[in-house]
């Protein structure tokens, strides 16, 4: 049985359709990430699952039960928001237990749940403190704990790490993955951060304009994006793209005819196409000599990043980025040989932008 099922879900605000005919199955114990830019509908979808928004049409099932019109408290979900939303006058213990007390739960059961959640999140020493005495990371742990004490089957996370600094985000990201492994509950996580999505998810749903563009595991979405939008959105920096004609199994790139024999086409194609290659799949220097395609570029900009260096250049009148080792001696104005293998590329129809 799926943990969450969404059938033909529609949501409109006046004349604006935010979600249209959306279908999604989320397996028991799965960590699903809803990924996309601002306004793509990911948080809206999460709020529909939570019962915070009334849908225009369609149905939502949680644990096999139709909860389309059920109250949030009746859906068996725990939600963690972007803002911590803690009660400032209460201690951590008070924040964790408040919802359970409102449900008139037995005191011993409340104590047991608070103790278990605080142990899992390693906040036992903070139980007597108030939110003002906590760091951002500690507050977010408390917010997660408030969902954990509900002992539900499905947890919803609405960009919970976006207010934290970079190092703390990395630390809590690891903790969330370990937490999911320990609990085994279904988790649905909303983010615009592709690194969070790639590292946390069992599957990623990439969204645009209220439509799921691609649903798959991180490796598939990274290596075989279903369309140009997904290819461009996933990866930092994003793919390099070139436009060129494809004819008789070859493509014109930088005034050179390059064989596409190694490319896995869905079906034979002739016509204009986009070719995409990720910066990390570009070889440089002597390594580029034996590639399917090679050329010489002039370095426009160098961005040292420690473990590697990002080099900006221009190829076929398009920005072209590639990575080199971090300690490589390279500077603006240098001429460098670059190359790539066709099997590492992605080709897209020029009009539909669907993967070929």
C-alpha atoms as a PDB file:
ATOM      1  CA  UNK A   1       0.000   0.000   0.000  1.00  0.00           C
ATOM      2  CA  UNK A   2       1.220   3.493  -0.821  1.00  0.00           C
ATOM      3  CA  UNK A   3       1.599   5.867   2.081  1.00  0.00           C
ATOM      4  CA  UNK A   4       0.218   8.883   0.177  1.00  0.00           C
ATOM      5  CA  UNK A   5      -1.786   8.901  -3.050  1.00  0.00           C
ATOM      6  CA  UNK A   6      -2.832  12.002  -4.973  1.00  0.00           C
ATOM      7  CA  UNK A   7      -5.385  11.662  -7.750  1.00  0.00           C
ATOM      8  CA  UNK A   8      -6.184  14.320 -10.401  1.00  0.00           C
ATOM      9  CA  UNK A   9      -5.545  17.148  -7.951  1.00  0.00           C
ATOM     10  CA  UNK A  10      -6.591  20.636  -9.023  1.00  0.00           C
ATOM     11  CA  UNK A  11      -6.139  23.889  -7.116  1.00  0.00           C
ATOM     12  CA  UNK A  12      -7.062  27.331  -8.377  1.00  0.00           C
ATOM     13  CA  UNK A  13      -6.849  30.779  -6.851  1.00  0.00           C
ATOM     14  CA  UNK A  14      -9.509  32.699  -8.745  1.00  0.00           C
ATOM     15  CA  UNK A  15      -8.691  32.333 -12.439  1.00  0.00           C
ATOM     16  CA  UNK A  16      -5.131  31.156 -11.764  1.00  0.00           C
ATOM     17  CA  UNK A  17      -4.579  27.388 -11.924  1.00  0.00           C
ATOM     18  CA  UNK A  18      -1.770  26.486  -9.518  1.00  0.00           C
ATOM     19  CA  UNK A  19      -2.094  22.698  -9.726  1.00  0.00           C
ATOM     20  CA  UNK A  20      -3.848  20.901 -12.565  1.00  0.00           C
ATOM     21  CA  UNK A  21      -4.583  17.168 -12.809  1.00  0.00           C
ATOM     22  CA  UNK A  22      -1.649  16.236 -10.597  1.00  0.00           C
ATOM     23  CA  UNK A  23      -1.106  12.549  -9.791  1.00  0.00           C
ATOM     24  CA  UNK A  24       1.483  11.217  -7.372  1.00  0.00           C
ATOM     25  CA  UNK A  25       2.091   7.979  -5.435  1.00  0.00           C
ATOM     26  CA  UNK A  26       4.453   7.998  -2.454  1.00  0.00           C
ATOM     27  CA  UNK A  27       5.554   4.629  -1.118  1.00  0.00           C
ATOM     28  CA  UNK A  28       5.520   3.583   2.518  1.00  0.00           C
ATOM     29  CA  UNK A  29       8.685   4.824   4.227  1.00  0.00           C
ATOM     30  CA  UNK A  30       9.843   6.823   1.191  1.00  0.00           C
ATOM     31  CA  UNK A  31      11.706  10.136   1.404  1.00  0.00           C
ATOM     32  CA  UNK A  32      10.231  12.190  -1.447  1.00  0.00           C
ATOM     33  CA  UNK A  33      11.495  15.679  -2.243  1.00  0.00           C
ATOM     34  CA  UNK A  34       9.380  18.246  -4.088  1.00  0.00           C
ATOM     35  CA  UNK A  35      11.923  20.427  -5.896  1.00  0.00           C
ATOM     36  CA  UNK A  36      11.489  23.565  -7.944  1.00  0.00           C
ATOM     37  CA  UNK A  37      11.908  27.324  -8.122  1.00  0.00           C
ATOM     38  CA  UNK A  38       9.692  29.795  -6.277  1.00  0.00           C
ATOM     39  CA  UNK A  39       6.095  29.713  -7.521  1.00  0.00           C
ATOM     40  CA  UNK A  40       6.287  26.223  -9.045  1.00  0.00           C
ATOM     41  CA  UNK A  41       3.563  24.851  -6.711  1.00  0.00           C
ATOM     42  CA  UNK A  42       5.657  22.645  -4.427  1.00  0.00           C
ATOM     43  CA  UNK A  43       4.637  24.288  -1.123  1.00  0.00           C
ATOM     44  CA  UNK A  44       1.069  24.550  -2.363  1.00  0.00           C
ATOM     45  CA  UNK A  45       1.014  20.789  -2.987  1.00  0.00           C
ATOM     46  CA  UNK A  46       2.450  20.145   0.483  1.00  0.00           C
ATOM     47  CA  UNK A  47      -0.207  22.377   2.063  1.00  0.00           C
ATOM     48  CA  UNK A  48      -2.924  20.480   0.183  1.00  0.00           C
ATOM     49  CA  UNK A  49      -1.596  17.183   1.591  1.00  0.00           C
ATOM     50  CA  UNK A  50      -1.522  18.759   5.064  1.00  0.00           C
ATOM     51  CA  UNK A  51      -5.095  20.045   4.754  1.00  0.00           C
ATOM     52  CA  UNK A  52      -4.078  23.698   5.052  1.00  0.00           C
ATOM     53  CA  UNK A  53      -5.586  24.451   1.628  1.00  0.00           C
ATOM     54  CA  UNK A  54      -8.909  23.244   0.209  1.00  0.00           C
ATOM     55  CA  UNK A  55      -8.456  21.629  -3.188  1.00  0.00           C
ATOM     56  CA  UNK A  56     -10.611  22.563  -6.173  1.00  0.00           C
ATOM     57  CA  UNK A  57     -10.887  18.978  -7.422  1.00  0.00           C
ATOM     58  CA  UNK A  58      -9.272  15.578  -7.001  1.00  0.00           C
ATOM     59  CA  UNK A  59      -8.582  13.330  -4.028  1.00  0.00           C
ATOM     60  CA  UNK A  60      -5.865  12.779  -1.433  1.00  0.00           C
ATOM     61  CA  UNK A  61      -5.351   9.454   0.352  1.00  0.00           C
ATOM     62  CA  UNK A  62      -3.098   8.912   3.375  1.00  0.00           C
ATOM     63  CA  UNK A  63      -2.571   5.312   4.517  1.00  0.00           C
ATOM     64  CA  UNK A  64      -5.432   4.274   2.236  1.00  0.00           C
ATOM     65  CA  UNK A  65      -7.901   6.708   3.843  1.00  0.00           C
ATOM     66  CA  UNK A  66      -9.537   9.462   1.790  1.00  0.00           C
ATOM     67  CA  UNK A  67      -8.571  12.646   3.654  1.00  0.00           C
ATOM     68  CA  UNK A  68      -9.450  15.148   0.921  1.00  0.00           C
ATOM     69  CA  UNK A  69     -11.796  17.071   3.194  1.00  0.00           C
ATOM     70  CA  UNK A  70     -10.461  15.954   6.589  1.00  0.00           C
ATOM     71  CA  UNK A  71      -9.068  18.466   9.082  1.00  0.00           C
ATOM     72  CA  UNK A  72      -5.249  18.630   9.392  1.00  0.00           C
ATOM     73  CA  UNK A  73      -5.444  17.062  12.862  1.00  0.00           C
ATOM     74  CA  UNK A  74      -7.327  14.066  11.432  1.00  0.00           C
ATOM     75  CA  UNK A  75      -4.819  13.250   8.655  1.00  0.00           C
ATOM     76  CA  UNK A  76      -2.120  11.517  10.676  1.00  0.00           C
ATOM     77  CA  UNK A  77       0.613  13.930   9.601  1.00  0.00           C
ATOM     78  CA  UNK A  78       3.284  15.936  11.393  1.00  0.00           C
ATOM     79  CA  UNK A  79       4.466  19.182   9.768  1.00  0.00           C
ATOM     80  CA  UNK A  80       7.652  21.203  10.124  1.00  0.00           C
ATOM     81  CA  UNK A  81       7.542  24.746   8.735  1.00  0.00           C
ATOM     82  CA  UNK A  82      10.223  27.056   7.361  1.00  0.00           C
ATOM     83  CA  UNK A  83       9.745  29.334  10.353  1.00  0.00           C
ATOM     84  CA  UNK A  84      10.258  27.551  13.661  1.00  0.00           C
ATOM     85  CA  UNK A  85       6.842  28.711  14.949  1.00  0.00           C
ATOM     86  CA  UNK A  86       7.746  27.970  18.582  1.00  0.00           C
ATOM     87  CA  UNK A  87       5.863  29.437  21.530  1.00  0.00           C
ATOM     88  CA  UNK A  88       8.369  31.934  23.008  1.00  0.00           C
ATOM     89  CA  UNK A  89       6.894  31.845  26.532  1.00  0.00           C
ATOM     90  CA  UNK A  90       7.173  28.055  26.795  1.00  0.00           C
ATOM     91  CA  UNK A  91      10.215  25.904  27.439  1.00  0.00           C
ATOM     92  CA  UNK A  92      11.379  23.348  24.895  1.00  0.00           C
ATOM     93  CA  UNK A  93       9.554  20.691  26.895  1.00  0.00           C
ATOM     94  CA  UNK A  94       6.413  22.822  26.858  1.00  0.00           C
ATOM     95  CA  UNK A  95       6.626  23.304  23.098  1.00  0.00           C
ATOM     96  CA  UNK A  96       7.033  19.571  22.542  1.00  0.00           C
ATOM     97  CA  UNK A  97       4.156  18.595  24.790  1.00  0.00           C
ATOM     98  CA  UNK A  98       1.668  21.395  24.044  1.00  0.00           C
ATOM     99  CA  UNK A  99      -0.133  19.673  21.165  1.00  0.00           C
ATOM    100  CA  UNK A 100      -0.359  16.402  23.075  1.00  0.00           C
ATOM    101  CA  UNK A 101      -1.857  18.131  26.109  1.00  0.00           C
ATOM    102  CA  UNK A 102      -4.500  19.705  23.878  1.00  0.00           C
ATOM    103  CA  UNK A 103      -5.416  16.188  22.760  1.00  0.00           C
ATOM    104  CA  UNK A 104      -5.897  15.297  26.462  1.00  0.00           C
ATOM    105  CA  UNK A 105      -3.288  12.579  26.207  1.00  0.00           C
ATOM    106  CA  UNK A 106      -2.218  10.697  29.329  1.00  0.00           C
ATOM    107  CA  UNK A 107       0.603  12.468  31.197  1.00  0.00           C
ATOM    108  CA  UNK A 108       2.821   9.406  31.281  1.00  0.00           C
ATOM    109  CA  UNK A 109       2.413   8.918  27.519  1.00  0.00           C
ATOM    110  CA  UNK A 110       3.285  12.581  26.916  1.00  0.00           C
ATOM    111  CA  UNK A 111       6.384  12.270  29.072  1.00  0.00           C
ATOM    112  CA  UNK A 112       7.426   9.124  27.218  1.00  0.00           C
ATOM    113  CA  UNK A 113       6.994  10.711  23.771  1.00  0.00           C
ATOM    114  CA  UNK A 114       8.831  13.915  24.717  1.00  0.00           C
ATOM    115  CA  UNK A 115      11.680  11.885  26.180  1.00  0.00           C
ATOM    116  CA  UNK A 116      11.944   9.706  23.063  1.00  0.00           C
ATOM    117  CA  UNK A 117      11.860  12.653  20.642  1.00  0.00           C
ATOM    118  CA  UNK A 118      14.423  14.657  22.622  1.00  0.00           C
ATOM    119  CA  UNK A 119      16.718  11.631  22.740  1.00  0.00           C
ATOM    120  CA  UNK A 120      16.464  11.036  18.985  1.00  0.00           C
ATOM    121  CA  UNK A 121      17.205  14.721  18.273  1.00  0.00           C
ATOM    122  CA  UNK A 122      19.811  15.024  21.060  1.00  0.00           C
ATOM    123  CA  UNK A 123      18.098  17.962  22.767  1.00  0.00           C
ATOM    124  CA  UNK A 124      17.651  16.415  26.261  1.00  0.00           C
ATOM    125  CA  UNK A 125      19.833  19.129  27.795  1.00  0.00           C
ATOM    126  CA  UNK A 126      17.668  21.877  26.272  1.00  0.00           C
ATOM    127  CA  UNK A 127      14.268  20.823  27.656  1.00  0.00           C
ATOM    128  CA  UNK A 128      14.161  23.558  30.334  1.00  0.00           C
ATOM    129  CA  UNK A 129      15.312  26.366  28.065  1.00  0.00           C
ATOM    130  CA  UNK A 130      13.067  28.803  26.206  1.00  0.00           C
ATOM    131  CA  UNK A 131      13.414  29.408  22.446  1.00  0.00           C
ATOM    132  CA  UNK A 132      15.212  32.745  22.955  1.00  0.00           C
ATOM    133  CA  UNK A 133      18.083  30.838  24.582  1.00  0.00           C
ATOM    134  CA  UNK A 134      18.504  28.474  21.615  1.00  0.00           C
ATOM    135  CA  UNK A 135      20.534  28.722  18.420  1.00  0.00           C
ATOM    136  CA  UNK A 136      18.858  28.491  15.010  1.00  0.00           C
ATOM    137  CA  UNK A 137      19.801  24.841  14.645  1.00  0.00           C
ATOM    138  CA  UNK A 138      18.517  23.997  18.114  1.00  0.00           C
ATOM    139  CA  UNK A 139      15.205  25.739  17.391  1.00  0.00           C
ATOM    140  CA  UNK A 140      14.816  23.759  14.184  1.00  0.00           C
ATOM    141  CA  UNK A 141      15.464  20.535  16.078  1.00  0.00           C
ATOM    142  CA  UNK A 142      12.711  21.495  18.513  1.00  0.00           C
ATOM    143  CA  UNK A 143      10.361  22.229  15.591  1.00  0.00           C
ATOM    144  CA  UNK A 144      11.122  18.778  14.175  1.00  0.00           C
ATOM    145  CA  UNK A 145      10.633  17.272  17.645  1.00  0.00           C
ATOM    146  CA  UNK A 146       7.191  18.815  17.885  1.00  0.00           C
ATOM    147  CA  UNK A 147       6.233  16.827  14.786  1.00  0.00           C
ATOM    148  CA  UNK A 148       7.954  13.662  16.032  1.00  0.00           C
ATOM    149  CA  UNK A 149       6.013  13.480  19.310  1.00  0.00           C
ATOM    150  CA  UNK A 150       2.798  13.099  17.342  1.00  0.00           C
ATOM    151  CA  UNK A 151       3.971   9.584  16.378  1.00  0.00           C
ATOM    152  CA  UNK A 152       2.405   9.774  12.904  1.00  0.00           C
ATOM    153  CA  UNK A 153       3.035   7.884   9.666  1.00  0.00           C
ATOM    154  CA  UNK A 154       3.775  10.865   7.408  1.00  0.00           C
ATOM    155  CA  UNK A 155       6.025  13.870   8.071  1.00  0.00           C
ATOM    156  CA  UNK A 156       5.865  17.011   5.932  1.00  0.00           C
ATOM    157  CA  UNK A 157       8.789  19.453   5.765  1.00  0.00           C
ATOM    158  CA  UNK A 158       8.353  22.902   4.185  1.00  0.00           C
ATOM    159  CA  UNK A 159      11.885  24.214   3.501  1.00  0.00           C
ATOM    160  CA  UNK A 160      12.924  23.631   7.134  1.00  0.00           C
ATOM    161  CA  UNK A 161      16.603  24.494   6.622  1.00  0.00           C
ATOM    162  CA  UNK A 162      16.327  27.641   4.503  1.00  0.00           C
ATOM    163  CA  UNK A 163      16.754  30.039   7.454  1.00  0.00           C
ATOM    164  CA  UNK A 164      20.013  28.467   8.605  1.00  0.00           C
ATOM    165  CA  UNK A 165      23.607  29.262   7.649  1.00  0.00           C
ATOM    166  CA  UNK A 166      25.426  27.048   5.144  1.00  0.00           C
ATOM    167  CA  UNK A 167      27.380  24.885   7.614  1.00  0.00           C
ATOM    168  CA  UNK A 168      24.372  24.313   9.862  1.00  0.00           C
ATOM    169  CA  UNK A 169      22.263  23.373   6.842  1.00  0.00           C
ATOM    170  CA  UNK A 170      24.805  20.727   5.903  1.00  0.00           C
ATOM    171  CA  UNK A 171      24.900  19.354   9.462  1.00  0.00           C
ATOM    172  CA  UNK A 172      21.107  19.209   9.817  1.00  0.00           C
ATOM    173  CA  UNK A 173      20.743  17.714   6.348  1.00  0.00           C
ATOM    174  CA  UNK A 174      22.845  14.762   7.486  1.00  0.00           C
ATOM    175  CA  UNK A 175      20.813  14.519  10.705  1.00  0.00           C
ATOM    176  CA  UNK A 176      17.539  14.452   8.752  1.00  0.00           C
ATOM    177  CA  UNK A 177      18.787  11.613   6.560  1.00  0.00           C
ATOM    178  CA  UNK A 178      19.879   9.637   9.630  1.00  0.00           C
ATOM    179  CA  UNK A 179      16.546  10.416  11.298  1.00  0.00           C
ATOM    180  CA  UNK A 180      14.637   9.020   8.319  1.00  0.00           C
ATOM    181  CA  UNK A 181      16.770   5.888   8.351  1.00  0.00           C
ATOM    182  CA  UNK A 182      16.126   5.441  12.070  1.00  0.00           C
ATOM    183  CA  UNK A 183      12.362   6.073  11.999  1.00  0.00           C
ATOM    184  CA  UNK A 184      11.422   4.605   8.616  1.00  0.00           C
ATOM    185  CA  UNK A 185       8.446   6.969   8.303  1.00  0.00           C
ATOM    186  CA  UNK A 186       7.261   8.514   5.054  1.00  0.00           C
ATOM    187  CA  UNK A 187       8.721  11.998   4.611  1.00  0.00           C
ATOM    188  CA  UNK A 188       7.738  14.618   2.038  1.00  0.00           C
ATOM    189  CA  UNK A 189      10.203  17.469   1.847  1.00  0.00           C
ATOM    190  CA  UNK A 190       9.883  20.777  -0.040  1.00  0.00           C
ATOM    191  CA  UNK A 191      12.968  22.691  -1.146  1.00  0.00           C
ATOM    192  CA  UNK A 192      14.374  24.879  -3.919  1.00  0.00           C
ATOM    193  CA  UNK A 193      17.887  23.688  -3.022  1.00  0.00           C
ATOM    194  CA  UNK A 194      18.979  20.974  -5.435  1.00  0.00           C
ATOM    195  CA  UNK A 195      21.815  19.840  -3.135  1.00  0.00           C
ATOM    196  CA  UNK A 196      19.276  19.113  -0.389  1.00  0.00           C
ATOM    197  CA  UNK A 197      17.123  17.266  -2.901  1.00  0.00           C
ATOM    198  CA  UNK A 198      19.947  15.160  -4.330  1.00  0.00           C
ATOM    199  CA  UNK A 199      21.386  14.189  -0.943  1.00  0.00           C
ATOM    200  CA  UNK A 200      18.146  13.525   0.961  1.00  0.00           C
ATOM    201  CA  UNK A 201      15.710  11.998  -1.510  1.00  0.00           C
ATOM    202  CA  UNK A 202      14.833   8.451  -2.422  1.00  0.00           C
ATOM    203  CA  UNK A 203      12.968  10.109  -5.298  1.00  0.00           C
ATOM    204  CA  UNK A 204      12.725  13.707  -6.492  1.00  0.00           C
ATOM    205  CA  UNK A 205       9.684  15.333  -8.110  1.00  0.00           C
ATOM    206  CA  UNK A 206      10.934  18.313 -10.126  1.00  0.00           C
ATOM    207  CA  UNK A 207       8.079  20.804 -10.526  1.00  0.00           C
ATOM    208  CA  UNK A 208       7.379  23.730 -12.830  1.00  0.00           C
ATOM    209  CA  UNK A 209       4.130  25.706 -13.140  1.00  0.00           C
ATOM    210  CA  UNK A 210       2.250  23.194 -10.972  1.00  0.00           C
ATOM    211  CA  UNK A 211       3.282  20.226 -13.118  1.00  0.00           C
ATOM    212  CA  UNK A 212       5.716  17.453 -12.173  1.00  0.00           C
ATOM    213  CA  UNK A 213       8.310  17.560 -14.949  1.00  0.00           C
ATOM    214  CA  UNK A 214      10.174  14.445 -13.830  1.00  0.00           C
ATOM    215  CA  UNK A 215       9.832  11.953 -10.989  1.00  0.00           C
ATOM    216  CA  UNK A 216      12.760   9.674 -10.309  1.00  0.00           C
ATOM    217  CA  UNK A 217      15.742   8.799  -8.173  1.00  0.00           C
ATOM    218  CA  UNK A 218      18.531  11.429  -7.905  1.00  0.00           C
ATOM    219  CA  UNK A 219      20.939   9.587 -10.219  1.00  0.00           C
ATOM    220  CA  UNK A 220      18.370   9.266 -13.011  1.00  0.00           C
ATOM    221  CA  UNK A 221      17.329  12.910 -12.781  1.00  0.00           C
ATOM    222  CA  UNK A 222      20.968  14.015 -12.814  1.00  0.00           C
ATOM    223  CA  UNK A 223      22.192  11.763 -15.616  1.00  0.00           C
ATOM    224  CA  UNK A 224      19.066  11.482 -17.790  1.00  0.00           C
ATOM    225  CA  UNK A 225      16.907  14.593 -17.344  1.00  0.00           C
ATOM    226  CA  UNK A 226      13.610  14.207 -19.139  1.00  0.00           C
ATOM    227  CA  UNK A 227      13.620  17.732 -20.606  1.00  0.00           C
ATOM    228  CA  UNK A 228      15.800  20.828 -20.925  1.00  0.00           C
ATOM    229  CA  UNK A 229      14.200  22.519 -17.912  1.00  0.00           C
ATOM    230  CA  UNK A 230      15.166  19.673 -15.567  1.00  0.00           C
ATOM    231  CA  UNK A 231      18.641  19.490 -17.108  1.00  0.00           C
ATOM    232  CA  UNK A 232      19.148  23.220 -16.579  1.00  0.00           C
ATOM    233  CA  UNK A 233      17.688  23.252 -13.056  1.00  0.00           C
ATOM    234  CA  UNK A 234      19.669  20.318 -11.684  1.00  0.00           C
ATOM    235  CA  UNK A 235      23.384  20.897 -11.215  1.00  0.00           C
ATOM    236  CA  UNK A 236      25.434  23.819  -9.954  1.00  0.00           C
ATOM    237  CA  UNK A 237      26.548  25.385 -12.168  1.00  0.00           C
ATOM    238  CA  UNK A 238      23.957  24.238 -14.672  1.00  0.00           C
ATOM    239  CA  UNK A 239      24.552  22.405 -17.938  1.00  0.00           C
ATOM    240  CA  UNK A 240      26.296  24.005 -20.891  1.00  0.00           C
ATOM    241  CA  UNK A 241      23.941  24.115 -23.900  1.00  0.00           C
ATOM    242  CA  UNK A 242      24.603  24.352 -27.649  1.00  0.00           C
ATOM    243  CA  UNK A 243      22.185  24.492 -30.527  1.00  0.00           C
ATOM    244  CA  UNK A 244      22.945  22.594 -33.713  1.00  0.00           C
ATOM    245  CA  UNK A 245      21.545  20.461 -36.535  1.00  0.00           C
ATOM    246  CA  UNK A 246      21.387  16.679 -36.196  1.00  0.00           C
ATOM    247  CA  UNK A 247      21.524  14.742 -39.450  1.00  0.00           C
ATOM    248  CA  UNK A 248      22.408  11.150 -40.299  1.00  0.00           C
ATOM    249  CA  UNK A 249      23.692  10.382 -36.809  1.00  0.00           C
ATOM    250  CA  UNK A 250      25.972  13.404 -36.464  1.00  0.00           C
ATOM    251  CA  UNK A 251      25.667  16.921 -35.002  1.00  0.00           C
ATOM    252  CA  UNK A 252      27.341  20.165 -35.986  1.00  0.00           C
ATOM    253  CA  UNK A 253      29.121  21.578 -32.907  1.00  0.00           C
ATOM    254  CA  UNK A 254      31.442  24.555 -33.252  1.00  0.00           C
ATOM    255  CA  UNK A 255      31.606  24.042 -37.045  1.00  0.00           C
ATOM    256  CA  UNK A 256      32.628  20.423 -36.594  1.00  0.00           C
ATOM    257  CA  UNK A 257      30.608  17.311 -37.446  1.00  0.00           C
ATOM    258  CA  UNK A 258      30.535  15.098 -34.353  1.00  0.00           C
ATOM    259  CA  UNK A 259      29.282  11.511 -34.468  1.00  0.00           C
ATOM    260  CA  UNK A 260      26.394  10.687 -32.134  1.00  0.00           C
ATOM    261  CA  UNK A 261      26.882   6.922 -32.444  1.00  0.00           C
ATOM    262  CA  UNK A 262      27.472   6.599 -28.676  1.00  0.00           C
ATOM    263  CA  UNK A 263      24.296   8.495 -27.788  1.00  0.00           C
ATOM    264  CA  UNK A 264      21.295   6.415 -26.698  1.00  0.00           C
ATOM    265  CA  UNK A 265      18.442   7.915 -28.744  1.00  0.00           C
ATOM    266  CA  UNK A 266      14.844   7.027 -27.888  1.00  0.00           C
ATOM    267  CA  UNK A 267      14.178   7.010 -31.653  1.00  0.00           C
ATOM    268  CA  UNK A 268      15.972   8.254 -34.794  1.00  0.00           C
ATOM    269  CA  UNK A 269      16.038  12.047 -35.053  1.00  0.00           C
ATOM    270  CA  UNK A 270      16.954  14.620 -37.681  1.00  0.00           C
ATOM    271  CA  UNK A 271      16.612  18.370 -37.124  1.00  0.00           C
ATOM    272  CA  UNK A 272      17.723  21.134 -34.798  1.00  0.00           C
ATOM    273  CA  UNK A 273      18.521  20.074 -31.229  1.00  0.00           C
ATOM    274  CA  UNK A 274      19.981  21.286 -27.972  1.00  0.00           C
ATOM    275  CA  UNK A 275      23.052  19.475 -26.711  1.00  0.00           C
ATOM    276  CA  UNK A 276      23.849  19.716 -23.002  1.00  0.00           C
ATOM    277  CA  UNK A 277      27.037  18.765 -21.179  1.00  0.00           C
ATOM    278  CA  UNK A 278      27.668  19.211 -17.452  1.00  0.00           C
ATOM    279  CA  UNK A 279      30.792  21.189 -16.399  1.00  0.00           C
ATOM    280  CA  UNK A 280      32.060  18.209 -14.387  1.00  0.00           C
ATOM    281  CA  UNK A 281      31.933  15.986 -17.478  1.00  0.00           C
ATOM    282  CA  UNK A 282      34.233  18.235 -19.514  1.00  0.00           C
ATOM    283  CA  UNK A 283      37.867  17.159 -19.791  1.00  0.00           C
ATOM    284  CA  UNK A 284      40.686  19.673 -20.201  1.00  0.00           C
ATOM    285  CA  UNK A 285      44.330  19.784 -21.208  1.00  0.00           C
ATOM    286  CA  UNK A 286      45.860  16.591 -22.571  1.00  0.00           C
ATOM    287  CA  UNK A 287      42.847  14.582 -21.279  1.00  0.00           C
ATOM    288  CA  UNK A 288      40.708  16.269 -23.953  1.00  0.00           C
ATOM    289  CA  UNK A 289      42.686  14.955 -26.926  1.00  0.00           C
ATOM    290  CA  UNK A 290      40.966  11.580 -27.238  1.00  0.00           C
ATOM    291  CA  UNK A 291      37.398  12.822 -26.649  1.00  0.00           C
ATOM    292  CA  UNK A 292      34.573  12.569 -29.196  1.00  0.00           C
ATOM    293  CA  UNK A 293      34.569  16.370 -29.370  1.00  0.00           C
ATOM    294  CA  UNK A 294      37.435  18.737 -28.597  1.00  0.00           C
ATOM    295  CA  UNK A 295      38.168  22.406 -29.090  1.00  0.00           C
ATOM    296  CA  UNK A 296      40.293  25.235 -27.710  1.00  0.00           C
ATOM    297  CA  UNK A 297      38.737  27.936 -25.515  1.00  0.00           C
ATOM    298  CA  UNK A 298      40.010  31.125 -23.888  1.00  0.00           C
ATOM    299  CA  UNK A 299      39.575  31.497 -20.129  1.00  0.00           C
ATOM    300  CA  UNK A 300      37.253  34.400 -19.252  1.00  0.00           C
ATOM    301  CA  UNK A 301      37.016  33.908 -15.490  1.00  0.00           C
ATOM    302  CA  UNK A 302      38.412  31.597 -12.820  1.00  0.00           C
ATOM    303  CA  UNK A 303      36.533  30.704  -9.625  1.00  0.00           C
ATOM    304  CA  UNK A 304      38.700  28.783  -7.115  1.00  0.00           C
ATOM    305  CA  UNK A 305      36.535  26.568  -4.879  1.00  0.00           C
ATOM    306  CA  UNK A 306      39.148  24.665  -2.937  1.00  0.00           C
ATOM    307  CA  UNK A 307      38.767  21.033  -4.025  1.00  0.00           C
ATOM    308  CA  UNK A 308      38.195  22.152  -7.615  1.00  0.00           C
ATOM    309  CA  UNK A 309      38.154  25.299  -9.730  1.00  0.00           C
ATOM    310  CA  UNK A 310      35.352  26.459 -12.006  1.00  0.00           C
ATOM    311  CA  UNK A 311      36.522  27.938 -15.294  1.00  0.00           C
ATOM    312  CA  UNK A 312      34.304  30.211 -17.391  1.00  0.00           C
ATOM    313  CA  UNK A 313      34.871  30.513 -21.131  1.00  0.00           C
ATOM    314  CA  UNK A 314      32.902  30.861 -24.382  1.00  0.00           C
ATOM    315  CA  UNK A 315      32.215  28.215 -27.020  1.00  0.00           C
ATOM    316  CA  UNK A 316      30.009  28.597 -30.085  1.00  0.00           C
ATOM    317  CA  UNK A 317      28.982  32.047 -28.768  1.00  0.00           C
ATOM    318  CA  UNK A 318      27.568  30.441 -25.611  1.00  0.00           C
ATOM    319  CA  UNK A 319      28.889  30.559 -22.034  1.00  0.00           C
ATOM    320  CA  UNK A 320      30.900  27.393 -21.401  1.00  0.00           C
ATOM    321  CA  UNK A 321      31.866  26.273 -17.901  1.00  0.00           C
ATOM    322  CA  UNK A 322      34.074  23.389 -16.850  1.00  0.00           C
ATOM    323  CA  UNK A 323      35.793  22.133 -13.719  1.00  0.00           C
ATOM    324  CA  UNK A 324      39.492  21.508 -13.185  1.00  0.00           C
ATOM    325  CA  UNK A 325      41.464  20.367 -10.148  1.00  0.00           C
ATOM    326  CA  UNK A 326      41.574  22.935  -7.369  1.00  0.00           C
ATOM    327  CA  UNK A 327      45.340  23.471  -7.470  1.00  0.00           C
ATOM    328  CA  UNK A 328      45.570  23.804 -11.260  1.00  0.00           C
ATOM    329  CA  UNK A 329      47.556  26.891 -12.283  1.00  0.00           C
ATOM    330  CA  UNK A 330      45.125  28.607 -14.625  1.00  0.00           C
ATOM    331  CA  UNK A 331      44.372  32.279 -15.192  1.00  0.00           C
ATOM    332  CA  UNK A 332      42.299  34.648 -17.303  1.00  0.00           C
ATOM    333  CA  UNK A 333      43.373  34.771 -20.939  1.00  0.00           C
ATOM    334  CA  UNK A 334      44.872  31.268 -21.013  1.00  0.00           C
ATOM    335  CA  UNK A 335      44.025  29.039 -23.975  1.00  0.00           C
ATOM    336  CA  UNK A 336      42.938  25.544 -22.916  1.00  0.00           C
ATOM    337  CA  UNK A 337      41.990  22.405 -24.806  1.00  0.00           C
ATOM    338  CA  UNK A 338      38.616  21.022 -23.742  1.00  0.00           C
ATOM    339  CA  UNK A 339      36.635  17.979 -24.787  1.00  0.00           C
ATOM    340  CA  UNK A 340      33.791  15.659 -23.827  1.00  0.00           C
ATOM    341  CA  UNK A 341      32.341  12.262 -24.629  1.00  0.00           C
ATOM    342  CA  UNK A 342      28.989  12.136 -26.445  1.00  0.00           C
ATOM    343  CA  UNK A 343      27.694   9.419 -24.104  1.00  0.00           C
ATOM    344  CA  UNK A 344      27.885  11.951 -21.222  1.00  0.00           C
ATOM    345  CA  UNK A 345      25.707  14.497 -23.042  1.00  0.00           C
ATOM    346  CA  UNK A 346      21.942  15.074 -23.172  1.00  0.00           C
ATOM    347  CA  UNK A 347      20.098  15.958 -26.388  1.00  0.00           C
ATOM    348  CA  UNK A 348      16.738  17.764 -26.483  1.00  0.00           C
ATOM    349  CA  UNK A 349      14.261  18.563 -29.234  1.00  0.00           C
ATOM    350  CA  UNK A 350      14.613  22.244 -30.153  1.00  0.00           C
ATOM    351  CA  UNK A 351      10.852  22.901 -29.996  1.00  0.00           C
ATOM    352  CA  UNK A 352       9.435  20.586 -27.319  1.00  0.00           C
ATOM    353  CA  UNK A 353      12.706  20.520 -25.305  1.00  0.00           C
ATOM    354  CA  UNK A 354      11.989  16.833 -24.545  1.00  0.00           C
ATOM    355  CA  UNK A 355      14.960  14.465 -24.235  1.00  0.00           C
ATOM    356  CA  UNK A 356      15.763  12.702 -27.483  1.00  0.00           C
END
